[in-house]
C-alpha cells in the first residue's frame, strides 16, 4: 500500500508540471503585452541592489498582478513561479533563487546618462583610481581637446597620482564634449566628474555651457539611488521604540557591518567605523578598508593637530609650497609605518676593498663591450638579493593571520627626485647578472626623475635598499620600513680607516662601509636579522661568491 500511494503522489506531481509551465508562460506573455503601467518595485530594487550592487540602466517596466491588484515586476513574477514549482514538485527553493540570480546577471550596468530633459544621452568620465592607495589626483594635461573624436586605446589625458604621472586611456568610441577639470586641476577626488563624452558629434554644442551639479557622480554612486535606499532602511527600525532614545552615534554604529579583524583594528586605532566605506559584500568593512584608511592619513586627530601647528608669528617671511601627490602619500605611509611597525636597527661595518677591486675589473670589461658601468649600489642590490634568498625569513610581510614569505626577491631602490621620493622595483634581482641590474636601475631611476613611472615599475617589492652614502656622503643612518615589507637596508659611505696589519706593530689602511638594517620585530627576530647581515657582509667582503 505504501509503494502504491507514493506512485500515485508522484504521478499527480508529474501531471501538474505541464500546467504550471503553461501558467508561468501565460504570466510572462501577459506582462510583455501590457506596457501601459510603469511603476517602481521597492522589493525588486532592493533585491537587485543586494545581489549586484547596482540598479539596471533601462526603465524598469512592471505589470499589474492578477492577485488583489498588487504591483509586481516580471522578475518577481518569474521568481514566484519558480517558488511555486519548487513547492509543487518538492524541490529545494534554492533552485528558484539560483534561477532568479542567473536571470539578473544579464542586466547591464547603468551608464552616466543625464536625467535632464534638455540634454542628450552622454557619459560622465570620473577621476579613476589608478593605484591601490590613490584617493585623489591632479590633471597634468589633456591630450584630447573638446570636440575631438576618441577611439578605444587612445590617450585621453595624463593624471598625476600618488605614485607617478599615468596616462588615462579612452575606453569607448565617441567625442569629448566638455572638459570639466582642465590642465593643472588639483586635488580631484576619485570618482569626481572630469569630462563629458557623447556618441554623436552634433550633441557636442549642447554641452558648451554644461556645469555638473552636486549630484553628479560616477556610475558606481548613481547605482544606489537615495530614495529607495531610505525607504528600505527606515521601515524596519520604526517598530522598536527603545532604539529612538539611544544616541544617534550608537544607532549608526549598530547598523555598520564589519569583519571581526576590521572591527578590532578600528578599535585599536580609535577609528570610527562610520567614517569608512566598506568594499566587502553588501558594504561589509574588511581589513583592507582599515589599512587604506590608515595609509591615506585621514585620521581626524592628526588633521586637527596639523591645523593648529601652522600658526606663524607676525612679520615672519615665508613661502608656502603646495604638496605634490607623491609627497602626500609618502608622508602618510611613513607615518603609518612608524606608528604601527615596531622598528629595531642592526648596524655593521663592512670592508669593501675587494668589492672596489672587483668593480674596477668588471667596469673595464663593460667598457670594452659597450655596456653600462656597474656602481657600488648595483653590487649592494645583488648582495642584498642573494642574502634574502639565503635567509628567506627577511623576505616576508606581516598580516594579522599569518606571515607571508615571498618566493620572488624584488628589490625596491630609493630614488630622490624634485617631485619627491620614489622606490622603483628591480624584479628577481637574485637571478639577474650585475650588468642587467645596472641597466635596469639606470632605466627606472631616469623614469622616476621624468615622473613617468607606471604602477608595474614600483609595485610588488619585497625589500628596499636606500643608499645615501655614495651620492651624499652620509656616514650612517636609519631608514623607515616601506610597508608592507619587513626590512630596509640603509647604506652609508665608505671611508678609510687604519687597521692592524698582518705583522705586529704594522698598520694598514682599509675602506669600511656602515650599513644599518631596519627590521619589523613582528616578522624578523634579532637573531634572524643578525643572520641576514652576516650573509650580506659575506657577499660584500668576498664579492667573487656572488658570481658563483
Protein backbone atom coordinates (compact mmCIF):
# COMPACT_ATOMS: atom_id res chain seq x y z
CA UNK A 1 0.00 0.00 0.00
CA UNK A 2 2.84 2.38 0.85
CA UNK A 3 4.51 1.90 -2.53
CA UNK A 4 1.21 2.36 -4.31
CA UNK A 5 0.47 5.65 -2.52
CA UNK A 6 3.95 7.00 -3.41
CA UNK A 7 3.43 6.14 -7.08
CA UNK A 8 0.06 7.95 -7.07
CA UNK A 9 1.55 11.04 -5.43
CA UNK A 10 4.42 11.25 -7.91
CA UNK A 11 2.09 10.76 -10.83
CA UNK A 12 -0.03 13.70 -9.61
CA UNK A 13 3.07 15.91 -9.39
CA UNK A 14 4.18 14.96 -12.87
CA UNK A 15 0.72 15.75 -14.26
CA UNK A 16 0.86 19.22 -12.69
CA UNK A 17 4.20 20.10 -14.32
CA UNK A 18 2.81 20.94 -17.74
CA UNK A 19 0.01 23.01 -16.19
CA UNK A 20 2.48 25.00 -14.11
CA UNK A 21 4.71 25.63 -17.11
CA UNK A 22 1.72 26.82 -19.15
CA UNK A 23 0.67 29.05 -16.24
CA UNK A 24 4.18 30.57 -15.98
CA UNK A 25 4.24 31.20 -19.74
CA UNK A 26 0.83 32.91 -19.50
CA UNK A 27 2.14 35.25 -16.83
CA UNK A 28 5.15 36.15 -18.97
CA UNK A 29 3.03 36.79 -22.08
CA UNK A 30 0.62 38.91 -20.03
CA UNK A 31 3.50 41.10 -18.81
CA UNK A 32 5.00 41.63 -22.26
CA UNK A 33 1.65 42.58 -23.76
CA UNK A 34 0.73 45.07 -21.02
CA UNK A 35 3.09 48.08 -21.22
CA UNK A 36 0.77 50.83 -20.04
CA UNK A 37 1.81 50.72 -16.40
CA UNK A 38 5.32 51.63 -15.21
CA UNK A 39 5.98 51.77 -11.50
CA UNK A 40 8.96 51.11 -9.26
CA UNK A 41 9.02 48.00 -7.14
CA UNK A 42 10.86 48.53 -3.88
CA UNK A 43 11.29 44.83 -3.32
CA UNK A 44 12.76 44.26 -6.80
CA UNK A 45 15.12 47.26 -6.44
CA UNK A 46 16.32 46.02 -3.08
CA UNK A 47 16.97 42.54 -4.41
CA UNK A 48 18.81 43.84 -7.46
CA UNK A 49 20.94 46.18 -5.37
CA UNK A 50 21.70 43.43 -2.85
CA UNK A 51 22.76 40.83 -5.40
CA UNK A 52 24.54 43.04 -7.93
CA UNK A 53 25.34 46.37 -6.29
CA UNK A 54 23.60 48.46 -8.97
CA UNK A 55 20.21 49.30 -10.44
CA UNK A 56 19.69 48.46 -14.16
CA UNK A 57 20.05 51.31 -16.62
CA UNK A 58 16.87 50.74 -18.56
CA UNK A 59 13.49 51.82 -17.23
CA UNK A 60 12.03 49.05 -15.09
CA UNK A 61 8.66 48.02 -16.53
CA UNK A 62 6.12 46.31 -14.33
CA UNK A 63 2.62 44.95 -14.83
CA UNK A 64 -0.43 44.50 -12.70
CA UNK A 65 -0.57 41.33 -10.73
CA UNK A 66 -3.57 39.06 -11.07
CA UNK A 67 -3.82 38.76 -7.28
CA UNK A 68 -5.62 41.60 -5.45
CA UNK A 69 -4.32 44.28 -7.83
CA UNK A 70 -0.77 44.20 -6.32
CA UNK A 71 2.11 45.53 -8.45
CA UNK A 72 4.94 43.10 -9.24
CA UNK A 73 7.87 43.10 -11.60
CA UNK A 74 8.34 40.41 -14.25
CA UNK A 75 11.41 39.15 -12.42
CA UNK A 76 9.33 38.92 -9.22
CA UNK A 77 6.52 37.07 -11.01
CA UNK A 78 9.00 34.67 -12.54
CA UNK A 79 10.69 34.20 -9.19
CA UNK A 80 7.30 33.49 -7.52
CA UNK A 81 6.50 30.93 -10.20
CA UNK A 82 9.78 29.16 -9.55
CA UNK A 83 8.95 29.05 -5.85
CA UNK A 84 5.51 27.61 -6.66
CA UNK A 85 7.06 25.00 -8.94
CA UNK A 86 9.62 24.09 -6.31
CA UNK A 87 6.91 23.70 -3.71
CA UNK A 88 4.66 21.64 -6.01
CA UNK A 89 7.48 19.36 -7.13
CA UNK A 90 9.04 19.05 -3.70
CA UNK A 91 12.31 20.67 -4.76
CA UNK A 92 14.50 22.98 -2.71
CA UNK A 93 13.72 26.72 -3.04
CA UNK A 94 17.46 27.28 -3.59
CA UNK A 95 16.94 26.19 -7.21
CA UNK A 96 14.49 29.01 -7.85
CA UNK A 97 16.84 31.54 -6.22
CA UNK A 98 19.67 30.32 -8.40
CA UNK A 99 17.46 30.76 -11.49
CA UNK A 100 16.49 34.26 -10.35
CA UNK A 101 20.10 35.28 -9.80
CA UNK A 102 21.18 33.95 -13.19
CA UNK A 103 18.44 35.99 -14.88
CA UNK A 104 19.67 39.15 -13.17
CA UNK A 105 23.24 38.57 -14.34
CA UNK A 106 22.26 39.71 -17.84
CA UNK A 107 21.25 43.20 -16.64
CA UNK A 108 23.73 45.81 -17.90
CA UNK A 109 25.37 48.35 -15.63
CA UNK A 110 23.82 51.79 -15.72
CA UNK A 111 25.83 54.37 -17.66
CA UNK A 112 26.17 58.01 -16.71
CA UNK A 113 23.23 59.31 -18.74
CA UNK A 114 21.65 62.60 -17.74
CA UNK A 115 18.19 62.80 -16.29
CA UNK A 116 17.76 66.38 -17.58
CA UNK A 117 15.23 66.54 -20.38
CA UNK A 118 17.17 69.22 -22.22
CA UNK A 119 20.39 67.22 -22.64
CA UNK A 120 21.02 64.24 -24.90
CA UNK A 121 22.48 60.96 -23.73
CA UNK A 122 26.06 61.35 -22.54
CA UNK A 123 28.63 59.64 -20.36
CA UNK A 124 30.40 61.17 -17.38
CA UNK A 125 34.10 60.39 -17.01
CA UNK A 126 35.19 60.31 -13.36
CA UNK A 127 38.64 60.59 -11.86
CA UNK A 128 39.87 56.97 -11.95
CA UNK A 129 41.66 55.16 -9.14
CA UNK A 130 44.98 54.38 -10.81
CA UNK A 131 46.79 52.96 -7.75
CA UNK A 132 45.71 50.99 -4.66
CA UNK A 133 46.35 53.93 -2.31
CA UNK A 134 45.01 56.74 -4.51
CA UNK A 135 42.24 58.90 -3.03
CA UNK A 136 42.66 62.00 -5.20
CA UNK A 137 44.67 63.08 -8.23
CA UNK A 138 45.70 66.01 -10.40
CA UNK A 139 45.20 66.59 -14.13
CA UNK A 140 48.66 67.12 -15.61
CA UNK A 141 47.42 67.88 -19.15
CA UNK A 142 44.73 66.88 -21.63
CA UNK A 143 45.91 65.26 -24.84
CA UNK A 144 42.40 65.47 -26.35
CA UNK A 145 40.55 68.75 -26.83
CA UNK A 146 36.83 69.46 -26.68
CA UNK A 147 35.22 68.23 -29.87
CA UNK A 148 37.95 65.67 -30.66
CA UNK A 149 36.96 62.16 -31.63
CA UNK A 150 38.09 59.37 -29.34
CA UNK A 151 38.85 55.75 -30.10
CA UNK A 152 39.48 52.91 -27.62
CA UNK A 153 43.13 52.80 -26.56
CA UNK A 154 43.93 56.44 -27.32
CA UNK A 155 45.39 58.54 -24.50
CA UNK A 156 42.78 60.93 -23.14
CA UNK A 157 44.82 62.80 -20.51
CA UNK A 158 47.73 62.47 -18.07
CA UNK A 159 46.81 62.05 -14.41
CA UNK A 160 49.22 62.74 -11.57
CA UNK A 161 48.53 60.04 -8.97
CA UNK A 162 50.05 59.46 -5.54
CA UNK A 163 52.83 57.45 -7.22
CA UNK A 164 53.55 58.90 -10.66
CA UNK A 165 52.02 60.51 -13.74
CA UNK A 166 49.89 57.91 -15.54
CA UNK A 167 48.22 58.06 -18.94
CA UNK A 168 44.44 57.64 -18.90
CA UNK A 169 43.17 55.85 -22.00
CA UNK A 170 39.79 56.05 -23.75
CA UNK A 171 37.57 53.02 -23.15
CA UNK A 172 34.86 53.66 -25.74
CA UNK A 173 34.45 55.40 -29.09
CA UNK A 174 32.84 58.83 -29.04
CA UNK A 175 33.52 62.56 -28.84
CA UNK A 176 34.91 64.66 -26.00
CA UNK A 177 32.06 67.13 -25.43
CA UNK A 178 33.17 69.01 -22.32
CA UNK A 179 36.29 69.14 -20.11
CA UNK A 180 35.17 69.82 -16.55
CA UNK A 181 38.62 69.79 -14.93
CA UNK A 182 41.22 71.46 -17.12
CA UNK A 183 45.02 71.27 -17.22
CA UNK A 184 46.60 71.70 -13.82
CA UNK A 185 43.45 70.94 -11.79
CA UNK A 186 44.48 69.86 -8.30
CA UNK A 187 43.13 67.55 -5.59
CA UNK A 188 40.33 65.95 -7.61
CA UNK A 189 38.66 63.23 -5.55
CA UNK A 190 38.44 59.73 -7.02
CA UNK A 191 35.06 59.49 -8.77
CA UNK A 192 34.63 63.23 -9.29
CA UNK A 193 33.49 64.11 -12.84
CA UNK A 194 36.31 65.45 -15.01
CA UNK A 195 34.80 65.27 -18.51
CA UNK A 196 31.66 64.55 -20.56
CA UNK A 197 31.60 62.37 -23.68
CA UNK A 198 28.86 61.85 -26.26
CA UNK A 199 28.31 59.38 -29.08
CA UNK A 200 27.08 61.81 -31.75
CA UNK A 201 29.16 64.76 -32.95
CA UNK A 202 26.11 67.05 -33.26
CA UNK A 203 25.50 66.77 -29.50
CA UNK A 204 28.81 68.46 -28.60
CA UNK A 205 27.44 72.03 -28.82
CA UNK A 206 24.68 71.24 -26.33
CA UNK A 207 27.29 70.80 -23.58
CA UNK A 208 29.13 74.07 -24.21
CA UNK A 209 27.82 75.66 -21.00
CA UNK A 210 27.33 72.43 -19.08
CA UNK A 211 28.17 72.52 -15.37
CA UNK A 212 27.99 69.36 -13.28
CA UNK A 213 25.63 69.52 -10.31
CA UNK A 214 26.46 68.35 -6.82
CA UNK A 215 24.69 65.09 -7.55
CA UNK A 216 26.92 64.23 -10.49
CA UNK A 217 28.90 61.16 -9.53
CA UNK A 218 30.45 58.20 -11.24
CA UNK A 219 28.14 55.32 -12.24
CA UNK A 220 29.03 53.41 -9.08
CA UNK A 221 27.44 56.16 -6.97
CA UNK A 222 24.47 56.54 -9.30
CA UNK A 223 23.65 52.89 -8.94
CA UNK A 224 22.43 53.48 -5.40
CA UNK A 225 19.51 55.97 -5.59
CA UNK A 226 18.85 57.73 -2.32
CA UNK A 227 15.03 57.42 -2.32
CA UNK A 228 14.64 53.63 -2.47
CA UNK A 229 17.57 53.17 -0.10
CA UNK A 230 15.99 55.42 2.54
CA UNK A 231 12.71 53.54 2.32
CA UNK A 232 14.40 50.20 2.74
CA UNK A 233 16.47 51.34 5.72
CA UNK A 234 13.87 53.44 7.53
CA UNK A 235 10.98 51.00 7.54
CA UNK A 236 12.43 48.20 9.75
CA UNK A 237 13.70 50.43 12.64
CA UNK A 238 10.27 52.12 13.04
CA UNK A 239 8.83 49.29 15.12
CA UNK A 240 11.20 49.17 18.13
CA UNK A 241 10.70 52.39 20.13
CA UNK A 242 13.65 51.90 22.58
CA UNK A 243 16.15 52.48 19.76
CA UNK A 244 14.89 56.03 19.27
CA UNK A 245 16.03 57.07 22.72
CA UNK A 246 19.59 55.87 22.08
CA UNK A 247 22.24 58.35 20.84
CA UNK A 248 22.48 58.60 17.05
CA UNK A 249 26.15 57.59 17.05
CA UNK A 250 25.36 54.31 18.79
CA UNK A 251 22.45 53.60 16.47
CA UNK A 252 24.58 54.17 13.38
CA UNK A 253 27.33 52.00 14.80
CA UNK A 254 24.88 49.11 15.28
CA UNK A 255 23.93 49.20 11.60
CA UNK A 256 27.53 49.13 10.37
CA UNK A 257 28.74 45.68 9.33
CA UNK A 258 32.44 44.90 9.69
CA UNK A 259 34.56 41.76 9.88
CA UNK A 260 35.96 40.88 13.33
CA UNK A 261 39.53 41.73 12.27
CA UNK A 262 38.46 45.08 10.81
CA UNK A 263 36.45 45.93 13.92
CA UNK A 264 39.41 45.09 16.20
CA UNK A 265 41.82 47.18 14.07
CA UNK A 266 39.37 50.10 14.20
CA UNK A 267 39.17 49.85 17.99
CA UNK A 268 42.96 49.65 18.36
CA UNK A 269 43.49 52.77 16.24
CA UNK A 270 40.37 54.56 17.58
CA UNK A 271 38.82 54.85 14.12
CA UNK A 272 35.03 55.42 13.87
CA UNK A 273 33.58 52.78 11.57
CA UNK A 274 31.00 55.30 10.35
CA UNK A 275 33.77 57.21 8.54
CA UNK A 276 34.84 54.18 6.47
CA UNK A 277 33.10 52.90 3.36
CA UNK A 278 33.17 49.11 3.16
CA UNK A 279 34.24 47.35 -0.03
CA UNK A 280 33.22 43.85 1.00
CA UNK A 281 29.95 42.04 0.18
CA UNK A 282 26.89 44.22 0.95
CA UNK A 283 29.16 47.06 2.09
CA UNK A 284 30.99 44.98 4.68
CA UNK A 285 34.03 46.75 6.11
CA UNK A 286 37.06 44.47 5.75
CA UNK A 287 40.67 44.64 6.91
CA UNK A 288 41.87 46.25 3.64
CA UNK A 289 39.46 49.18 4.18
CA UNK A 290 41.01 49.93 7.58
CA UNK A 291 44.54 49.71 6.15
CA UNK A 292 43.64 52.05 3.27
CA UNK A 293 42.12 54.49 5.74
CA UNK A 294 45.26 54.47 7.88
CA UNK A 295 47.54 54.81 4.86
CA UNK A 296 45.55 57.73 3.47
CA UNK A 297 46.25 59.79 6.60
CA UNK A 298 42.61 60.82 7.11
CA UNK A 299 42.71 60.42 10.90
CA UNK A 300 40.76 63.26 12.50
CA UNK A 301 43.06 63.88 15.44
CA UNK A 302 46.29 64.36 13.43
CA UNK A 303 44.39 66.59 10.98
CA UNK A 304 43.19 68.86 13.77
CA UNK A 305 46.65 68.94 15.31
CA UNK A 306 48.24 69.85 11.98
CA UNK A 307 45.89 72.79 11.57
CA UNK A 308 46.90 74.11 14.96
CA UNK A 309 50.61 73.80 14.24
CA UNK A 310 50.76 76.10 11.22
CA UNK A 311 50.38 79.38 13.07
CA UNK A 312 53.25 81.71 12.29
CA UNK A 313 54.41 84.77 14.17
CA UNK A 314 53.59 88.14 12.58
CA UNK A 315 56.26 89.64 10.39
CA UNK A 316 57.80 86.24 9.51
CA UNK A 317 58.79 85.89 5.86
CA UNK A 318 57.99 82.50 4.28
CA UNK A 319 56.79 80.71 1.14
CA UNK A 320 54.08 78.01 1.13
CA UNK A 321 54.97 75.14 -1.22
CA UNK A 322 51.92 73.04 -2.17
CA UNK A 323 52.08 69.29 -1.50
CA UNK A 324 52.53 67.03 -4.51
CA UNK A 325 50.55 63.80 -4.63
CA UNK A 326 53.66 61.67 -4.16
CA UNK A 327 54.73 63.70 -1.12
CA UNK A 328 51.29 63.38 0.45
CA UNK A 329 51.16 59.62 0.14
CA UNK A 330 54.80 59.22 1.17
CA UNK A 331 54.12 61.21 4.34
CA UNK A 332 51.04 59.18 5.23
CA UNK A 333 52.75 55.85 4.59
CA UNK A 334 55.84 56.79 6.62
CA UNK A 335 53.60 57.95 9.47
CA UNK A 336 51.66 54.69 9.29
CA UNK A 337 54.91 52.70 9.23
CA UNK A 338 56.47 54.46 12.20
CA UNK A 339 53.30 54.30 14.29
CA UNK A 340 52.29 50.70 13.61
CA UNK A 341 55.52 48.79 12.87
CA UNK A 342 57.87 48.00 15.81
CA UNK A 343 61.23 49.04 14.33
CA UNK A 344 64.62 47.96 15.60
CA UNK A 345 68.01 48.52 13.99
CA UNK A 346 71.16 46.47 13.40
CA UNK A 347 74.40 48.11 12.20
CA UNK A 348 77.59 46.51 10.94
CA UNK A 349 80.83 47.81 9.35
CA UNK A 350 81.92 46.01 6.17
CA UNK A 351 85.31 46.13 4.45
CA UNK A 352 84.79 46.99 0.78
CA UNK A 353 88.36 46.82 -0.58
CA UNK A 354 87.78 43.59 -2.51
CA UNK A 355 84.43 44.90 -3.73
CA UNK A 356 86.04 48.03 -5.17
CA UNK A 357 88.75 45.96 -6.89
CA UNK A 358 86.16 43.64 -8.47
CA UNK A 359 84.09 46.63 -9.60
CA UNK A 360 87.13 48.11 -11.37
CA UNK A 361 87.76 44.85 -13.23
CA UNK A 362 84.12 44.47 -14.24
CA UNK A 363 83.88 48.05 -15.48
CA UNK A 364 86.94 47.51 -17.68
CA UNK A 365 85.12 44.60 -19.31
CA UNK A 366 81.90 46.60 -19.58
CA UNK A 367 83.64 49.46 -21.37
CA UNK A 368 85.23 47.08 -23.86
CA UNK A 369 81.83 45.50 -24.53
CA UNK A 370 79.94 48.80 -24.64
CA UNK A 371 77.81 48.06 -21.57
CA UNK A 372 76.68 50.21 -18.66
CA UNK A 373 79.13 50.87 -15.84
CA UNK A 374 78.47 48.98 -12.62
CA UNK A 375 78.11 51.07 -9.46
CA UNK A 376 78.65 50.12 -5.83
CA UNK A 377 74.89 50.33 -5.36
CA UNK A 378 74.37 47.68 -8.07
CA UNK A 379 76.68 45.33 -6.16
CA UNK A 380 74.81 46.12 -2.92
CA UNK A 381 71.47 45.28 -4.57
CA UNK A 382 72.84 41.95 -5.82
CA UNK A 383 74.32 41.09 -2.41
CA UNK A 384 71.06 42.00 -0.63
CA UNK A 385 69.05 39.84 -3.03
CA UNK A 386 71.34 36.83 -2.53
CA UNK A 387 71.20 37.32 1.25
CA UNK A 388 67.39 37.32 1.10
CA UNK A 389 67.47 34.07 -0.83
CA UNK A 390 69.81 32.63 1.80
CA UNK A 391 67.73 33.94 4.74
CA UNK A 392 64.15 33.96 3.36
CA UNK A 393 62.59 34.91 6.70
CA UNK A 394 63.59 38.50 5.96
CA UNK A 395 61.80 38.39 2.61
CA UNK A 396 58.39 38.41 4.29
CA UNK A 397 55.42 40.58 5.29
CA UNK A 398 53.25 40.66 8.40
CA UNK A 399 49.47 40.14 8.42
CA UNK A 400 47.13 39.62 11.36
CA UNK A 401 46.61 35.97 10.43
CA UNK A 402 49.97 34.84 9.08
CA UNK A 403 53.44 35.84 7.91
CA UNK A 404 53.65 35.84 4.11
CA UNK A 405 57.05 34.67 2.89
CA UNK A 406 57.77 35.62 -0.72
CA UNK A 407 59.50 33.36 -3.23
CA UNK A 408 60.36 36.28 -5.52
CA UNK A 409 63.17 38.61 -4.47
CA UNK A 410 62.10 42.06 -5.73
CA UNK A 411 64.29 44.92 -4.52
CA UNK A 412 62.91 48.47 -4.32
CA UNK A 413 65.57 51.15 -4.84
CA UNK A 414 65.02 54.56 -3.24
CA UNK A 415 65.43 57.38 -5.79
CA UNK A 416 65.25 61.06 -4.81
CA UNK A 417 63.73 63.43 -7.38
CA UNK A 418 62.46 67.00 -7.49
CA UNK A 419 58.91 65.66 -7.11
CA UNK A 420 59.67 63.52 -4.06
CA UNK A 421 60.95 60.07 -3.13
CA UNK A 422 60.27 57.17 -5.49
CA UNK A 423 61.03 53.47 -4.95
CA UNK A 424 61.06 51.68 -8.33
CA UNK A 425 61.48 47.91 -8.19
CA UNK A 426 64.09 45.54 -9.65
CA UNK A 427 62.30 42.21 -10.03
CA UNK A 428 64.04 38.87 -9.39
CA UNK A 429 67.29 40.62 -8.58
CA UNK A 430 68.75 37.38 -7.19
CA UNK A 431 68.51 35.77 -10.64
CA UNK A 432 69.93 38.66 -12.71
CA UNK A 433 73.53 39.48 -13.52
CA UNK A 434 75.23 42.69 -12.43
CA UNK A 435 75.12 44.11 -15.93
CA UNK A 436 71.34 43.60 -16.17
CA UNK A 437 70.79 45.11 -12.71
CA UNK A 438 72.90 48.16 -13.58
CA UNK A 439 70.91 48.68 -16.79
CA UNK A 440 67.51 48.39 -15.06
CA UNK A 441 68.47 50.66 -12.16
CA UNK A 442 69.54 53.44 -14.52
CA UNK A 443 66.39 52.98 -16.60
CA UNK A 444 63.87 53.16 -13.71
CA UNK A 445 65.83 55.96 -11.99
CA UNK A 446 65.53 58.06 -15.15
CA UNK A 447 61.81 57.30 -15.40
CA UNK A 448 61.40 58.38 -11.77
CA UNK A 449 63.16 61.69 -12.45
CA UNK A 450 60.97 62.21 -15.53
CA UNK A 451 57.88 61.43 -13.40
CA UNK A 452 56.84 58.72 -15.88
CA UNK A 453 56.79 55.61 -13.70
CA UNK A 454 53.91 53.20 -14.22
CA UNK A 455 52.38 51.02 -11.46
CA UNK A 456 54.31 47.97 -12.65
CA UNK A 457 57.54 49.94 -12.14
CA UNK A 458 57.12 50.35 -8.37
CA UNK A 459 54.59 47.74 -7.15
CA UNK A 460 55.44 44.26 -5.88
CA UNK A 461 58.69 44.93 -4.00
CA UNK A 462 59.65 42.65 -1.08
CA UNK A 463 62.68 44.53 0.32
CA UNK A 464 64.11 48.06 -0.03
CA UNK A 465 67.64 49.44 -0.34
CA UNK A 466 68.31 53.13 0.42
CA UNK A 467 71.80 54.46 -0.33
CA UNK A 468 72.73 57.93 0.93
CA UNK A 469 76.41 57.16 1.25
CA UNK A 470 77.58 57.23 -2.34
CA UNK A 471 75.61 60.25 -3.61
CA UNK A 472 75.66 62.38 -0.43
CA UNK A 473 78.49 61.06 1.74
CA UNK A 474 76.23 60.18 4.72
CA UNK A 475 78.22 58.01 7.10
CA UNK A 476 75.31 56.17 8.73
CA UNK A 477 71.52 56.50 9.03
CA UNK A 478 68.40 54.51 9.96
CA UNK A 479 65.69 54.16 7.32
CA UNK A 480 61.94 53.75 7.88
CA UNK A 481 60.43 50.46 6.68
CA UNK A 482 58.38 50.62 3.49
CA UNK A 483 55.12 48.80 4.36
CA UNK A 484 54.07 46.05 3.92
CA UNK A 485 57.72 44.96 3.76
CA UNK A 486 59.55 43.91 6.92
CA UNK A 487 63.04 45.26 6.23
CA UNK A 488 65.00 48.08 4.63
CA UNK A 489 68.78 48.46 4.30
CA UNK A 490 70.37 51.89 4.83
CA UNK A 491 73.80 52.14 3.14
CA UNK A 492 76.35 54.71 4.28
CA UNK A 493 79.53 55.94 2.61
CA UNK A 494 82.87 54.13 2.55
CA UNK A 495 85.71 55.71 4.50
CA UNK A 496 89.38 54.91 5.03
CA UNK A 497 90.41 53.54 8.42
CA UNK A 498 93.69 52.45 9.96
CA UNK A 499 93.63 48.78 10.91
CA UNK A 500 96.25 46.37 12.31
CA UNK A 501 98.35 44.69 9.64
CA UNK A 502 99.45 41.10 9.28
CA UNK A 503 102.60 41.64 11.36
CA UNK A 504 102.81 43.01 14.91
CA UNK A 505 103.29 46.76 15.00
CA UNK A 506 102.37 47.11 11.34
CA UNK A 507 99.27 49.10 10.38
CA UNK A 508 97.41 49.29 7.12
CA UNK A 509 94.51 51.29 5.71
CA UNK A 510 91.21 49.78 4.60
CA UNK A 511 87.86 51.11 3.40
CA UNK A 512 84.82 50.35 5.55
CA UNK A 513 81.15 50.94 4.83
CA UNK A 514 78.47 51.16 7.56
CA UNK A 515 75.10 49.56 6.77
CA UNK A 516 72.03 49.54 9.01
CA UNK A 517 69.17 47.06 8.71
CA UNK A 518 65.77 48.28 9.92
CA UNK A 519 63.60 45.31 10.90
CA UNK A 520 59.94 44.72 11.73
CA UNK A 521 60.22 42.86 15.03
CA UNK A 522 56.91 41.07 14.39
CA UNK A 523 58.49 39.26 11.44
CA UNK A 524 62.27 39.38 11.91
CA UNK A 525 63.67 38.41 15.29
CA UNK A 526 67.02 39.82 16.34
CA UNK A 527 68.90 36.61 15.60
CA UNK A 528 67.32 36.35 12.13
CA UNK A 529 68.25 39.95 11.34
CA UNK A 530 71.82 39.32 12.50
CA UNK A 531 71.98 36.18 10.34
CA UNK A 532 70.88 38.18 7.29
CA UNK A 533 73.51 40.87 7.95
CA UNK A 534 76.15 38.17 8.31
CA UNK A 535 75.19 36.73 4.91
CA UNK A 536 75.15 40.20 3.33
CA UNK A 537 78.56 41.05 4.81
CA UNK A 538 79.98 37.78 3.47
CA UNK A 539 78.90 38.62 -0.08
CA UNK A 540 80.31 42.18 0.11
CA UNK A 541 83.67 41.22 1.64
CA UNK A 542 84.02 38.25 -0.73
CA UNK A 543 82.29 39.54 -3.88
CA UNK A 544 83.53 36.64 -6.01
CA UNK A 545 80.99 34.46 -4.18
CA UNK A 546 78.17 36.46 -5.83
CA UNK A 547 79.33 35.19 -9.20
CA UNK A 548 79.06 31.52 -8.24
